[in-house]
């Protein structure tokens, strides 16, 4: 089995192992999805999901969020960490969405990247989950760790990791592969002590022997 075949086999096994893999962040609209993803930076999805009900009850849409006071916004999202910068970006993004995009979340990568606080990971997540638009592969901390452990890339930079993954993952799977890797990273291939004996791809994982 050559390297390309090995990677394809890993992907096939993991996709079959986690057929229901999906985003864990809770939202009701594309705008709320954008906000939840922005809040998830350096924060767990569980924590974000605890914060957003009160946040969206107070500021449920683009217009109300654009008019929010920074102080109140900071207080509502404080426990997600980096709350000052997040509040500033969420308010600024809301204003830009109203002014430049008619109150609608953009549907292209180019336009998404115009929004304050939005980089490729956030844009990929929102485009795929809100509109079914497959523009790339969202690379979070789990995807970074697993793609390196599984021998899919040697890069450390998220943009370069995404580029490598896009060359080996079929385009139709770009949207869901992140959630497959995230589920595997949470359940088996954890950061500190991966449970290699229970891993469905241990026999073809180049890192398995390191944790035996």
Protein backbone atom coordinates (compact mmCIF):
# COMPACT_ATOMS: atom_id res chain seq x y z
CA UNK A 1 0.00 0.00 0.00
CA UNK A 2 1.56 3.31 -1.06
CA UNK A 3 1.17 6.53 0.94
CA UNK A 4 -1.79 7.86 -1.01
CA UNK A 5 -3.65 4.56 -0.67
CA UNK A 6 -2.87 4.47 3.06
CA UNK A 7 -4.29 7.95 3.63
CA UNK A 8 -7.40 7.14 1.60
CA UNK A 9 -7.90 3.99 3.68
CA UNK A 10 -7.54 6.00 6.92
CA UNK A 11 -10.15 8.47 5.72
CA UNK A 12 -12.52 5.70 4.65
CA UNK A 13 -12.28 3.91 8.02
CA UNK A 14 -12.76 7.10 10.04
CA UNK A 15 -15.72 8.24 7.95
CA UNK A 16 -17.36 4.87 8.53
CA UNK A 17 -16.53 5.01 12.24
CA UNK A 18 -18.12 8.45 12.70
CA UNK A 19 -20.98 8.58 10.17
CA UNK A 20 -22.91 11.15 12.18
CA UNK A 21 -20.05 13.58 12.72
CA UNK A 22 -21.34 17.16 12.73
CA UNK A 23 -20.78 20.61 14.21
CA UNK A 24 -21.29 20.76 17.97
CA UNK A 25 -21.97 24.50 18.18
CA UNK A 26 -25.65 25.41 18.48
CA UNK A 27 -27.26 28.17 16.43
CA UNK A 28 -30.52 28.96 14.64
CA UNK A 29 -29.39 31.24 11.82
CA UNK A 30 -26.30 31.76 9.66
CA UNK A 31 -25.53 34.91 11.64
CA UNK A 32 -25.76 33.11 14.97
CA UNK A 33 -23.54 30.38 13.54
CA UNK A 34 -20.93 32.98 12.62
CA UNK A 35 -21.00 34.40 16.15
CA UNK A 36 -20.69 30.98 17.78
CA UNK A 37 -17.69 30.09 15.63
CA UNK A 38 -16.02 33.42 16.43
CA UNK A 39 -16.59 32.77 20.14
CA UNK A 40 -15.15 29.25 19.88
CA UNK A 41 -11.60 30.49 19.26
CA UNK A 42 -9.45 29.29 22.18
CA UNK A 43 -12.61 28.05 23.88
CA UNK A 44 -14.54 24.78 24.06
CA UNK A 45 -17.79 24.26 22.17
CA UNK A 46 -19.42 23.28 25.46
CA UNK A 47 -18.58 26.64 26.99
CA UNK A 48 -19.80 28.54 23.92
CA UNK A 49 -23.10 26.67 23.98
CA UNK A 50 -23.58 27.73 27.60
CA UNK A 51 -22.96 31.38 26.78
CA UNK A 52 -24.96 31.83 23.57
CA UNK A 53 -28.55 31.34 24.83
CA UNK A 54 -28.37 34.54 26.92
CA UNK A 55 -26.36 36.31 24.22
CA UNK A 56 -28.86 35.54 21.47
CA UNK A 57 -31.84 36.29 23.66
CA UNK A 58 -30.43 39.79 24.06
CA UNK A 59 -28.98 40.22 20.55
CA UNK A 60 -30.62 37.66 18.23
CA UNK A 61 -29.77 39.16 14.83
CA UNK A 62 -27.31 41.27 12.86
CA UNK A 63 -29.03 44.59 13.51
CA UNK A 64 -29.35 44.19 17.27
CA UNK A 65 -25.78 42.90 17.55
CA UNK A 66 -24.47 45.85 15.54
CA UNK A 67 -26.15 48.21 18.03
CA UNK A 68 -24.98 46.35 21.16
CA UNK A 69 -22.88 48.20 23.67
CA UNK A 70 -19.38 46.80 23.83
CA UNK A 71 -19.54 46.66 27.63
CA UNK A 72 -22.69 44.53 27.68
CA UNK A 73 -21.39 42.31 24.90
CA UNK A 74 -18.12 41.76 26.77
CA UNK A 75 -19.97 40.82 29.92
CA UNK A 76 -22.16 38.30 28.12
CA UNK A 77 -19.22 36.51 26.46
CA UNK A 78 -16.57 37.02 29.17
CA UNK A 79 -16.22 33.33 30.06
CA UNK A 80 -15.22 32.38 26.49
CA UNK A 81 -11.85 34.11 26.92
CA UNK A 82 -10.29 36.94 24.87
CA UNK A 83 -13.70 38.55 25.31
CA UNK A 84 -12.63 42.11 24.52
CA UNK A 85 -11.23 41.25 21.13
CA UNK A 86 -14.13 38.90 20.36
CA UNK A 87 -16.71 41.54 21.30
CA UNK A 88 -14.98 44.14 19.13
CA UNK A 89 -14.83 41.80 16.13
CA UNK A 90 -18.41 40.54 16.49
CA UNK A 91 -19.78 44.09 16.64
CA UNK A 92 -17.60 45.25 13.74
CA UNK A 93 -18.51 42.21 11.64
CA UNK A 94 -22.20 42.83 12.31
CA UNK A 95 -21.91 46.42 11.11
CA UNK A 96 -20.07 45.38 7.96
CA UNK A 97 -22.64 42.67 7.20
CA UNK A 98 -25.37 45.30 7.38
CA UNK A 99 -23.50 47.95 5.43
CA UNK A 100 -21.88 45.89 2.70
CA UNK A 101 -23.91 42.68 2.46
CA UNK A 102 -27.46 43.83 3.15
CA UNK A 103 -27.68 42.04 6.47
CA UNK A 104 -26.94 38.61 4.96
CA UNK A 105 -23.92 36.45 5.78
CA UNK A 106 -21.72 36.30 2.65
CA UNK A 107 -21.74 33.11 0.60
CA UNK A 108 -18.18 33.20 -0.75
CA UNK A 109 -14.78 32.74 0.86
CA UNK A 110 -13.56 36.05 -0.55
CA UNK A 111 -16.40 38.01 1.06
CA UNK A 112 -16.31 36.07 4.32
CA UNK A 113 -12.65 36.99 4.75
CA UNK A 114 -13.59 40.67 4.59
CA UNK A 115 -15.32 40.36 7.96
CA UNK A 116 -13.33 41.40 11.05
CA UNK A 117 -12.18 38.42 13.08
CA UNK A 118 -12.88 35.92 10.31
CA UNK A 119 -10.10 33.74 8.88
CA UNK A 120 -10.32 30.63 6.72
CA UNK A 121 -11.34 28.23 9.50
CA UNK A 122 -14.34 30.31 10.53
CA UNK A 123 -15.28 31.01 6.91
CA UNK A 124 -15.14 27.32 5.97
CA UNK A 125 -17.32 26.32 8.92
CA UNK A 126 -19.97 28.98 8.26
CA UNK A 127 -20.10 28.48 4.50
CA UNK A 128 -20.48 24.71 4.80
CA UNK A 129 -22.93 24.57 7.69
CA UNK A 130 -25.04 27.58 6.73
CA UNK A 131 -25.14 27.21 2.96
CA UNK A 132 -23.63 23.87 2.01
CA UNK A 133 -20.81 25.73 0.24
CA UNK A 134 -17.59 23.70 0.14
CA UNK A 135 -14.71 26.16 -0.18
CA UNK A 136 -12.01 24.38 1.81
CA UNK A 137 -11.33 22.39 4.97
CA UNK A 138 -11.72 23.88 8.45
CA UNK A 139 -8.52 23.32 10.43
CA UNK A 140 -8.91 23.57 14.21
CA UNK A 141 -6.66 22.21 16.97
CA UNK A 142 -7.99 18.66 16.62
CA UNK A 143 -7.57 18.67 12.83
CA UNK A 144 -4.03 20.04 13.21
CA UNK A 145 -3.07 17.30 15.66
CA UNK A 146 -4.69 14.39 13.84
CA UNK A 147 -3.63 15.33 10.33
CA UNK A 148 0.00 15.33 11.52
CA UNK A 149 -0.31 12.15 13.59
CA UNK A 150 -2.01 10.34 10.72
CA UNK A 151 0.72 11.36 8.29
CA UNK A 152 -1.46 13.62 6.14
CA UNK A 153 0.84 16.64 6.53
CA UNK A 154 4.08 17.74 8.14
CA UNK A 155 3.04 21.37 8.35
CA UNK A 156 2.31 23.38 11.49
CA UNK A 157 0.56 26.36 9.88
CA UNK A 158 -3.22 25.95 9.53
CA UNK A 159 -3.35 27.36 5.99
CA UNK A 160 -0.59 25.00 4.83
CA UNK A 161 -2.27 22.05 6.59
CA UNK A 162 -5.52 22.90 4.82
CA UNK A 163 -3.69 23.03 1.50
CA UNK A 164 -2.18 19.58 2.06
CA UNK A 165 -5.51 18.08 3.14
CA UNK A 166 -7.26 19.52 0.09
CA UNK A 167 -4.87 17.57 -2.14
CA UNK A 168 -5.66 14.18 -0.54
CA UNK A 169 -9.28 14.47 0.64
CA UNK A 170 -11.92 14.22 -2.11
CA UNK A 171 -13.62 17.61 -2.55
CA UNK A 172 -17.05 16.16 -1.75
CA UNK A 173 -15.72 15.30 1.73
CA UNK A 174 -14.04 18.61 2.52
CA UNK A 175 -16.97 19.87 4.57
CA UNK A 176 -17.43 16.84 6.80
CA UNK A 177 -13.85 15.59 7.19
CA UNK A 178 -13.14 18.20 9.88
CA UNK A 179 -15.94 16.81 12.07
CA UNK A 180 -14.80 13.23 11.51
CA UNK A 181 -11.30 14.15 12.67
CA UNK A 182 -12.68 16.22 15.57
CA UNK A 183 -14.81 13.30 16.80
CA UNK A 184 -11.84 10.95 16.55
CA UNK A 185 -9.66 13.49 18.34
CA UNK A 186 -12.13 13.80 21.20
CA UNK A 187 -12.93 10.12 21.58
CA UNK A 188 -9.70 8.27 20.75
CA UNK A 189 -6.77 10.36 19.51
CA UNK A 190 -6.66 12.76 22.44
CA UNK A 191 -3.90 15.31 22.86
CA UNK A 192 -2.16 13.97 25.95
CA UNK A 193 -2.82 10.25 25.95
CA UNK A 194 -4.25 8.79 22.74
CA UNK A 195 -6.03 5.47 23.16
CA UNK A 196 -4.18 3.69 20.37
CA UNK A 197 -5.25 0.13 21.33
CA UNK A 198 -8.86 1.15 20.65
CA UNK A 199 -8.13 3.06 17.43
CA UNK A 200 -9.69 1.68 14.22
CA UNK A 201 -6.72 2.91 12.14
CA UNK A 202 -3.90 1.90 14.51
CA UNK A 203 -2.50 -0.64 12.03
CA UNK A 204 -1.98 2.00 9.35
CA UNK A 205 -1.19 5.00 11.56
CA UNK A 206 2.46 6.11 11.40
CA UNK A 207 2.27 7.49 14.95
CA UNK A 208 0.77 4.48 16.73
CA UNK A 209 4.14 3.08 17.82
CA UNK A 210 5.01 6.39 19.56
CA UNK A 211 2.19 5.95 22.05
CA UNK A 212 2.26 2.20 22.56
